[in-house]
Full PDB file with SEQRES, HELIX, SHEET, SSBOND, CRYST1, ORIGX, SCALE, CONECT and MASTER records, all heavy atoms in Angstrom:
SEQRES   1 A   31  VAL VAL ALA GLN GLU SER THR ALA LYS SER GLU LEU PRO          
SEQRES   2 A   31  GLU GLY GLY VAL ILE LEU PHE GLN GLY ASP SER ILE THR          
SEQRES   3 A   31  ASP ALA GLY ARG ASP                                          
HELIX    1 AA1 SER A   24  ASP A   27  1                                   4    
CRYST1    1.000    1.000    1.000  90.00  90.00  90.00 P 1           1          
ORIGX1      1.000000  0.000000  0.000000        0.00000                         
ORIGX2      0.000000  1.000000  0.000000        0.00000                         
ORIGX3      0.000000  0.000000  1.000000        0.00000                         
SCALE1      1.000000  0.000000  0.000000        0.00000                         
SCALE2      0.000000  1.000000  0.000000        0.00000                         
SCALE3      0.000000  0.000000  1.000000        0.00000                         
ATOM      1  N   VAL A   1      25.212  40.561  56.717  1.00  0.00           N  
ATOM      2  CA  VAL A   1      24.102  39.653  56.470  1.00  0.00           C  
ATOM      3  C   VAL A   1      23.351  40.169  55.265  1.00  0.00           C  
ATOM      4  O   VAL A   1      22.985  41.339  55.211  1.00  0.00           O  
ATOM      5  CB  VAL A   1      23.164  39.597  57.694  1.00  0.00           C  
ATOM      6  CG1 VAL A   1      21.985  38.680  57.424  1.00  0.00           C  
ATOM      7  CG2 VAL A   1      23.934  39.132  58.924  1.00  0.00           C  
ATOM      8  N   VAL A   2      23.122  39.331  54.272  1.00  0.00           N  
ATOM      9  CA  VAL A   2      22.455  39.762  53.056  1.00  0.00           C  
ATOM     10  C   VAL A   2      21.243  38.894  52.801  1.00  0.00           C  
ATOM     11  O   VAL A   2      21.062  37.844  53.411  1.00  0.00           O  
ATOM     12  CB  VAL A   2      23.411  39.688  51.830  1.00  0.00           C  
ATOM     13  CG1 VAL A   2      24.569  40.639  52.016  1.00  0.00           C  
ATOM     14  CG2 VAL A   2      23.925  38.264  51.623  1.00  0.00           C  
ATOM     15  N   ALA A   3      20.415  39.339  51.884  1.00  0.00           N  
ATOM     16  CA  ALA A   3      19.233  38.575  51.520  1.00  0.00           C  
ATOM     17  C   ALA A   3      19.631  37.247  50.898  1.00  0.00           C  
ATOM     18  O   ALA A   3      20.662  37.140  50.235  1.00  0.00           O  
ATOM     19  CB  ALA A   3      18.389  39.368  50.519  1.00  0.00           C  
ATOM     20  N   GLN A   4      18.821  36.224  51.134  1.00  0.00           N  
ATOM     21  CA  GLN A   4      19.058  34.939  50.497  1.00  0.00           C  
ATOM     22  C   GLN A   4      18.881  35.099  48.996  1.00  0.00           C  
ATOM     23  O   GLN A   4      17.827  35.520  48.519  1.00  0.00           O  
ATOM     24  CB  GLN A   4      18.059  33.894  51.022  1.00  0.00           C  
ATOM     25  CG  GLN A   4      18.248  32.510  50.430  1.00  0.00           C  
ATOM     26  CD  GLN A   4      19.571  31.887  50.828  1.00  0.00           C  
ATOM     27  OE1 GLN A   4      19.982  31.987  51.975  1.00  0.00           O  
ATOM     28  NE2 GLN A   4      20.241  31.276  49.888  1.00  0.00           N  
ATOM     29  N   GLU A   5      19.904  34.764  48.246  1.00  0.00           N  
ATOM     30  CA  GLU A   5      19.843  34.979  46.815  1.00  0.00           C  
ATOM     31  C   GLU A   5      18.950  33.950  46.150  1.00  0.00           C  
ATOM     32  O   GLU A   5      18.983  32.760  46.478  1.00  0.00           O  
ATOM     33  CB  GLU A   5      21.245  34.914  46.210  1.00  0.00           C  
ATOM     34  CG  GLU A   5      21.277  35.351  44.764  1.00  0.00           C  
ATOM     35  CD  GLU A   5      22.659  35.834  44.350  1.00  0.00           C  
ATOM     36  OE1 GLU A   5      23.565  35.818  45.181  1.00  0.00           O  
ATOM     37  OE2 GLU A   5      22.795  36.222  43.188  1.00  0.00           O  
ATOM     38  N   SER A   6      18.122  34.407  45.229  1.00  0.00           N  
ATOM     39  CA  SER A   6      17.236  33.515  44.509  1.00  0.00           C  
ATOM     40  C   SER A   6      18.054  32.510  43.706  1.00  0.00           C  
ATOM     41  O   SER A   6      19.124  32.820  43.191  1.00  0.00           O  
ATOM     42  CB  SER A   6      16.339  34.327  43.558  1.00  0.00           C  
ATOM     43  OG  SER A   6      15.448  33.493  42.882  1.00  0.00           O  
ATOM     44  N   THR A   7      17.568  31.283  43.606  1.00  0.00           N  
ATOM     45  CA  THR A   7      18.333  30.229  42.952  1.00  0.00           C  
ATOM     46  C   THR A   7      18.388  30.379  41.438  1.00  0.00           C  
ATOM     47  O   THR A   7      19.271  29.844  40.794  1.00  0.00           O  
ATOM     48  CB  THR A   7      17.731  28.856  43.282  1.00  0.00           C  
ATOM     49  OG1 THR A   7      16.339  28.851  42.906  1.00  0.00           O  
ATOM     50  CG2 THR A   7      17.847  28.573  44.782  1.00  0.00           C  
ATOM     51  N   ALA A   8      17.453  31.085  40.852  1.00  0.00           N  
ATOM     52  CA  ALA A   8      17.446  31.256  39.399  1.00  0.00           C  
ATOM     53  C   ALA A   8      17.019  32.667  39.054  1.00  0.00           C  
ATOM     54  O   ALA A   8      16.162  33.243  39.708  1.00  0.00           O  
ATOM     55  CB  ALA A   8      16.485  30.246  38.749  1.00  0.00           C  
ATOM     56  N   LYS A   9      17.622  33.197  38.040  1.00  0.00           N  
ATOM     57  CA  LYS A   9      17.280  34.551  37.618  1.00  0.00           C  
ATOM     58  C   LYS A   9      15.901  34.547  36.958  1.00  0.00           C  
ATOM     59  O   LYS A   9      15.617  33.741  36.086  1.00  0.00           O  
ATOM     60  CB  LYS A   9      18.328  35.084  36.644  1.00  0.00           C  
ATOM     61  CG  LYS A   9      18.083  36.510  36.210  1.00  0.00           C  
ATOM     62  CD  LYS A   9      19.241  37.043  35.399  1.00  0.00           C  
ATOM     63  CE  LYS A   9      18.983  38.477  34.966  1.00  0.00           C  
ATOM     64  NZ  LYS A   9      20.101  39.046  34.202  1.00  0.00           N  
ATOM     65  N   SER A  10      15.060  35.455  37.398  1.00  0.00           N  
ATOM     66  CA  SER A  10      13.730  35.574  36.818  1.00  0.00           C  
ATOM     67  C   SER A  10      13.821  36.251  35.466  1.00  0.00           C  
ATOM     68  O   SER A  10      14.754  36.989  35.179  1.00  0.00           O  
ATOM     69  CB  SER A  10      12.824  36.390  37.744  1.00  0.00           C  
ATOM     70  OG  SER A  10      12.699  35.782  39.001  1.00  0.00           O  
ATOM     71  N   GLU A  11      12.845  35.999  34.646  1.00  0.00           N  
ATOM     72  CA  GLU A  11      12.759  36.665  33.354  1.00  0.00           C  
ATOM     73  C   GLU A  11      11.589  37.635  33.378  1.00  0.00           C  
ATOM     74  O   GLU A  11      10.614  37.430  34.094  1.00  0.00           O  
ATOM     75  CB  GLU A  11      12.575  35.637  32.234  1.00  0.00           C  
ATOM     76  CG  GLU A  11      13.765  34.714  32.050  1.00  0.00           C  
ATOM     77  CD  GLU A  11      15.061  35.459  31.711  1.00  0.00           C  
ATOM     78  OE1 GLU A  11      14.991  36.488  31.004  1.00  0.00           O  
ATOM     79  OE2 GLU A  11      16.122  35.033  32.176  1.00  0.00           O  
ATOM     80  N   LEU A  12      11.714  38.675  32.608  1.00  0.00           N  
ATOM     81  CA  LEU A  12      10.628  39.636  32.471  1.00  0.00           C  
ATOM     82  C   LEU A  12       9.981  39.452  31.112  1.00  0.00           C  
ATOM     83  O   LEU A  12      10.683  39.312  30.109  1.00  0.00           O  
ATOM     84  CB  LEU A  12      11.157  41.063  32.595  1.00  0.00           C  
ATOM     85  CG  LEU A  12      11.633  41.500  33.979  1.00  0.00           C  
ATOM     86  CD1 LEU A  12      12.226  42.896  33.905  1.00  0.00           C  
ATOM     87  CD2 LEU A  12      10.496  41.460  34.990  1.00  0.00           C  
ATOM     88  N   PRO A  13       8.658  39.441  31.046  1.00  0.00           N  
ATOM     89  CA  PRO A  13       7.998  39.312  29.750  1.00  0.00           C  
ATOM     90  C   PRO A  13       8.199  40.568  28.917  1.00  0.00           C  
ATOM     91  O   PRO A  13       8.583  41.625  29.421  1.00  0.00           O  
ATOM     92  CB  PRO A  13       6.526  39.130  30.128  1.00  0.00           C  
ATOM     93  CG  PRO A  13       6.400  39.821  31.447  1.00  0.00           C  
ATOM     94  CD  PRO A  13       7.700  39.581  32.153  1.00  0.00           C  
ATOM     95  N   GLU A  14       7.938  40.468  27.653  1.00  0.00           N  
ATOM     96  CA  GLU A  14       8.026  41.622  26.756  1.00  0.00           C  
ATOM     97  C   GLU A  14       7.161  42.758  27.298  1.00  0.00           C  
ATOM     98  O   GLU A  14       5.979  42.582  27.584  1.00  0.00           O  
ATOM     99  CB  GLU A  14       7.534  41.236  25.357  1.00  0.00           C  
ATOM    100  CG  GLU A  14       7.611  42.342  24.324  1.00  0.00           C  
ATOM    101  CD  GLU A  14       9.033  42.589  23.818  1.00  0.00           C  
ATOM    102  OE1 GLU A  14       9.877  41.701  23.995  1.00  0.00           O  
ATOM    103  OE2 GLU A  14       9.271  43.660  23.235  1.00  0.00           O  
ATOM    104  N   GLY A  15       7.783  43.921  27.473  1.00  0.00           N  
ATOM    105  CA  GLY A  15       7.048  45.070  27.980  1.00  0.00           C  
ATOM    106  C   GLY A  15       6.622  44.965  29.427  1.00  0.00           C  
ATOM    107  O   GLY A  15       5.720  45.689  29.865  1.00  0.00           O  
ATOM    108  N   GLY A  16       7.272  44.091  30.201  1.00  0.00           N  
ATOM    109  CA  GLY A  16       6.924  43.904  31.608  1.00  0.00           C  
ATOM    110  C   GLY A  16       7.002  45.213  32.386  1.00  0.00           C  
ATOM    111  O   GLY A  16       7.904  46.031  32.169  1.00  0.00           O  
ATOM    112  N   VAL A  17       6.057  45.409  33.297  1.00  0.00           N  
ATOM    113  CA  VAL A  17       5.965  46.638  34.086  1.00  0.00           C  
ATOM    114  C   VAL A  17       6.445  46.377  35.512  1.00  0.00           C  
ATOM    115  O   VAL A  17       5.943  45.472  36.184  1.00  0.00           O  
ATOM    116  CB  VAL A  17       4.520  47.166  34.114  1.00  0.00           C  
ATOM    117  CG1 VAL A  17       4.397  48.354  35.071  1.00  0.00           C  
ATOM    118  CG2 VAL A  17       4.071  47.562  32.713  1.00  0.00           C  
ATOM    119  N   ILE A  18       7.423  47.158  35.958  1.00  0.00           N  
ATOM    120  CA  ILE A  18       7.913  47.084  37.331  1.00  0.00           C  
ATOM    121  C   ILE A  18       7.518  48.372  38.036  1.00  0.00           C  
ATOM    122  O   ILE A  18       7.874  49.461  37.594  1.00  0.00           O  
ATOM    123  CB  ILE A  18       9.436  46.900  37.370  1.00  0.00           C  
ATOM    124  CG1 ILE A  18       9.829  45.631  36.603  1.00  0.00           C  
ATOM    125  CG2 ILE A  18       9.936  46.822  38.809  1.00  0.00           C  
ATOM    126  CD1 ILE A  18      11.318  45.495  36.378  1.00  0.00           C  
ATOM    127  N   LEU A  19       6.767  48.240  39.114  1.00  0.00           N  
ATOM    128  CA  LEU A  19       6.228  49.400  39.824  1.00  0.00           C  
ATOM    129  C   LEU A  19       6.759  49.436  41.249  1.00  0.00           C  
ATOM    130  O   LEU A  19       6.622  48.465  42.005  1.00  0.00           O  
ATOM    131  CB  LEU A  19       4.701  49.330  39.846  1.00  0.00           C  
ATOM    132  CG  LEU A  19       3.963  50.350  40.719  1.00  0.00           C  
ATOM    133  CD1 LEU A  19       4.244  51.776  40.274  1.00  0.00           C  
ATOM    134  CD2 LEU A  19       2.464  50.058  40.709  1.00  0.00           C  
ATOM    135  N   PHE A  20       7.351  50.569  41.626  1.00  0.00           N  
ATOM    136  CA  PHE A  20       7.824  50.775  42.993  1.00  0.00           C  
ATOM    137  C   PHE A  20       6.853  51.690  43.722  1.00  0.00           C  
ATOM    138  O   PHE A  20       6.533  52.778  43.242  1.00  0.00           O  
ATOM    139  CB  PHE A  20       9.231  51.382  42.982  1.00  0.00           C  
ATOM    140  CG  PHE A  20      10.272  50.447  42.436  1.00  0.00           C  
ATOM    141  CD1 PHE A  20      10.696  50.548  41.121  1.00  0.00           C  
ATOM    142  CD2 PHE A  20      10.805  49.444  43.235  1.00  0.00           C  
ATOM    143  CE1 PHE A  20      11.636  49.670  40.599  1.00  0.00           C  
ATOM    144  CE2 PHE A  20      11.753  48.555  42.734  1.00  0.00           C  
ATOM    145  CZ  PHE A  20      12.175  48.672  41.416  1.00  0.00           C  
ATOM    146  N   GLN A  21       6.389  51.223  44.880  1.00  0.00           N  
ATOM    147  CA  GLN A  21       5.421  51.951  45.680  1.00  0.00           C  
ATOM    148  C   GLN A  21       5.934  52.169  47.090  1.00  0.00           C  
ATOM    149  O   GLN A  21       6.663  51.332  47.631  1.00  0.00           O  
ATOM    150  CB  GLN A  21       4.103  51.176  45.743  1.00  0.00           C  
ATOM    151  CG  GLN A  21       3.157  51.449  44.598  1.00  0.00           C  
ATOM    152  CD  GLN A  21       2.527  52.832  44.693  1.00  0.00           C  
ATOM    153  OE1 GLN A  21       2.799  53.597  45.618  1.00  0.00           O  
ATOM    154  NE2 GLN A  21       1.678  53.163  43.743  1.00  0.00           N  
ATOM    155  N   GLY A  22       5.539  53.288  47.699  1.00  0.00           N  
ATOM    156  CA  GLY A  22       5.936  53.522  49.074  1.00  0.00           C  
ATOM    157  C   GLY A  22       5.857  54.976  49.471  1.00  0.00           C  
ATOM    158  O   GLY A  22       5.039  55.739  48.949  1.00  0.00           O  
ATOM    159  N   ASP A  23       6.758  55.355  50.380  1.00  0.00           N  
ATOM    160  CA  ASP A  23       6.776  56.705  50.939  1.00  0.00           C  
ATOM    161  C   ASP A  23       7.975  57.480  50.419  1.00  0.00           C  
ATOM    162  O   ASP A  23       8.416  57.261  49.289  1.00  0.00           O  
ATOM    163  CB  ASP A  23       6.742  56.626  52.470  1.00  0.00           C  
ATOM    164  CG  ASP A  23       7.798  55.672  53.025  1.00  0.00           C  
ATOM    165  OD1 ASP A  23       8.923  55.649  52.489  1.00  0.00           O  
ATOM    166  OD2 ASP A  23       7.516  54.955  54.003  1.00  0.00           O  
ATOM    167  N   SER A  24       8.530  58.372  51.230  1.00  0.00           N  
ATOM    168  CA  SER A  24       9.627  59.226  50.765  1.00  0.00           C  
ATOM    169  C   SER A  24      10.890  58.457  50.422  1.00  0.00           C  
ATOM    170  O   SER A  24      11.684  58.895  49.583  1.00  0.00           O  
ATOM    171  CB  SER A  24       9.951  60.288  51.820  1.00  0.00           C  
ATOM    172  OG  SER A  24      10.294  59.682  53.049  1.00  0.00           O  
ATOM    173  N   ILE A  25      11.110  57.314  51.055  1.00  0.00           N  
ATOM    174  CA  ILE A  25      12.292  56.517  50.746  1.00  0.00           C  
ATOM    175  C   ILE A  25      12.242  56.066  49.294  1.00  0.00           C  
ATOM    176  O   ILE A  25      13.256  56.038  48.591  1.00  0.00           O  
ATOM    177  CB  ILE A  25      12.396  55.317  51.696  1.00  0.00           C  
ATOM    178  CG1 ILE A  25      12.547  55.803  53.140  1.00  0.00           C  
ATOM    179  CG2 ILE A  25      13.568  54.411  51.308  1.00  0.00           C  
ATOM    180  CD1 ILE A  25      12.425  54.695  54.173  1.00  0.00           C  
ATOM    181  N   THR A  26      11.059  55.711  48.824  1.00  0.00           N  
ATOM    182  CA  THR A  26      10.869  55.307  47.429  1.00  0.00           C  
ATOM    183  C   THR A  26      10.732  56.528  46.531  1.00  0.00           C  
ATOM    184  O   THR A  26      11.332  56.585  45.449  1.00  0.00           O  
ATOM    185  CB  THR A  26       9.617  54.417  47.311  1.00  0.00           C  
ATOM    186  OG1 THR A  26       9.779  53.270  48.150  1.00  0.00           O  
ATOM    187  CG2 THR A  26       9.394  53.969  45.873  1.00  0.00           C  
ATOM    188  N   ASP A  27       9.965  57.508  46.961  1.00  0.00           N  
ATOM    189  CA  ASP A  27       9.766  58.758  46.216  1.00  0.00           C  
ATOM    190  C   ASP A  27      11.107  59.365  45.823  1.00  0.00           C  
ATOM    191  O   ASP A  27      11.366  59.659  44.634  1.00  0.00           O  
ATOM    192  CB  ASP A  27       8.974  59.719  47.100  1.00  0.00           C  
ATOM    193  CG  ASP A  27       8.625  61.042  46.444  1.00  0.00           C  
ATOM    194  OD1 ASP A  27       9.395  61.516  45.583  1.00  0.00           O  
ATOM    195  OD2 ASP A  27       7.593  61.627  46.812  1.00  0.00           O  
ATOM    196  N   ALA A  28      11.972  59.581  46.813  1.00  0.00           N  
ATOM    197  CA  ALA A  28      13.344  60.047  46.596  1.00  0.00           C  
ATOM    198  C   ALA A  28      13.413  61.260  45.665  1.00  0.00           C  
ATOM    199  O   ALA A  28      14.251  61.322  44.766  1.00  0.00           O  
ATOM    200  CB  ALA A  28      14.215  58.914  46.070  1.00  0.00           C  
ATOM    201  N   GLY A  29      12.515  62.214  45.878  1.00  0.00           N  
ATOM    202  CA  GLY A  29      12.569  63.462  45.133  1.00  0.00           C  
ATOM    203  C   GLY A  29      12.155  63.376  43.678  1.00  0.00           C  
ATOM    204  O   GLY A  29      12.520  64.241  42.874  1.00  0.00           O  
ATOM    205  N   ARG A  30      11.353  62.391  43.329  1.00  0.00           N  
ATOM    206  CA  ARG A  30      10.941  62.251  41.923  1.00  0.00           C  
ATOM    207  C   ARG A  30      10.072  63.427  41.481  1.00  0.00           C  
ATOM    208  O   ARG A  30       9.390  64.060  42.292  1.00  0.00           O  
ATOM    209  CB  ARG A  30      10.184  60.939  41.704  1.00  0.00           C  
ATOM    210  CG  ARG A  30       8.805  60.881  42.343  1.00  0.00           C  
ATOM    211  CD  ARG A  30       8.150  59.528  42.111  1.00  0.00           C  
ATOM    212  NE  ARG A  30       6.846  59.430  42.751  1.00  0.00           N  
ATOM    213  CZ  ARG A  30       5.693  59.769  42.195  1.00  0.00           C  
ATOM    214  NH1 ARG A  30       5.677  60.243  40.957  1.00  0.00           N  
ATOM    215  NH2 ARG A  30       4.551  59.643  42.843  1.00  0.00           N  
ATOM    216  N   ASP A  31      10.074  63.697  40.190  1.00  0.00           N  
ATOM    217  CA  ASP A  31       9.200  64.708  39.594  1.00  0.00           C  
ATOM    218  C   ASP A  31       7.866  64.030  39.299  1.00  0.00           C  
ATOM    219  O   ASP A  31       7.772  63.182  38.416  1.00  0.00           O  
ATOM    220  CB  ASP A  31       9.838  65.236  38.302  1.00  0.00           C  
ATOM    221  CG  ASP A  31       9.000  66.306  37.622  1.00  0.00           C  
ATOM    222  OD1 ASP A  31       7.827  66.509  38.020  1.00  0.00           O  
ATOM    223  OD2 ASP A  31       9.507  66.920  36.667  1.00  0.00           O  
TER     224      ASP A  31                                                      
MASTER        0    0    0    1    0    0    0    6  223    1    0    3          
END                                                                             
């Protein structure tokens, strides 16, 4: 079972910022 796929690919604006937030699963040993 997988996520319902979005019908259209999103675009990112110039210099778009993607931020991942959370706990150790997201941290994953980052510096």
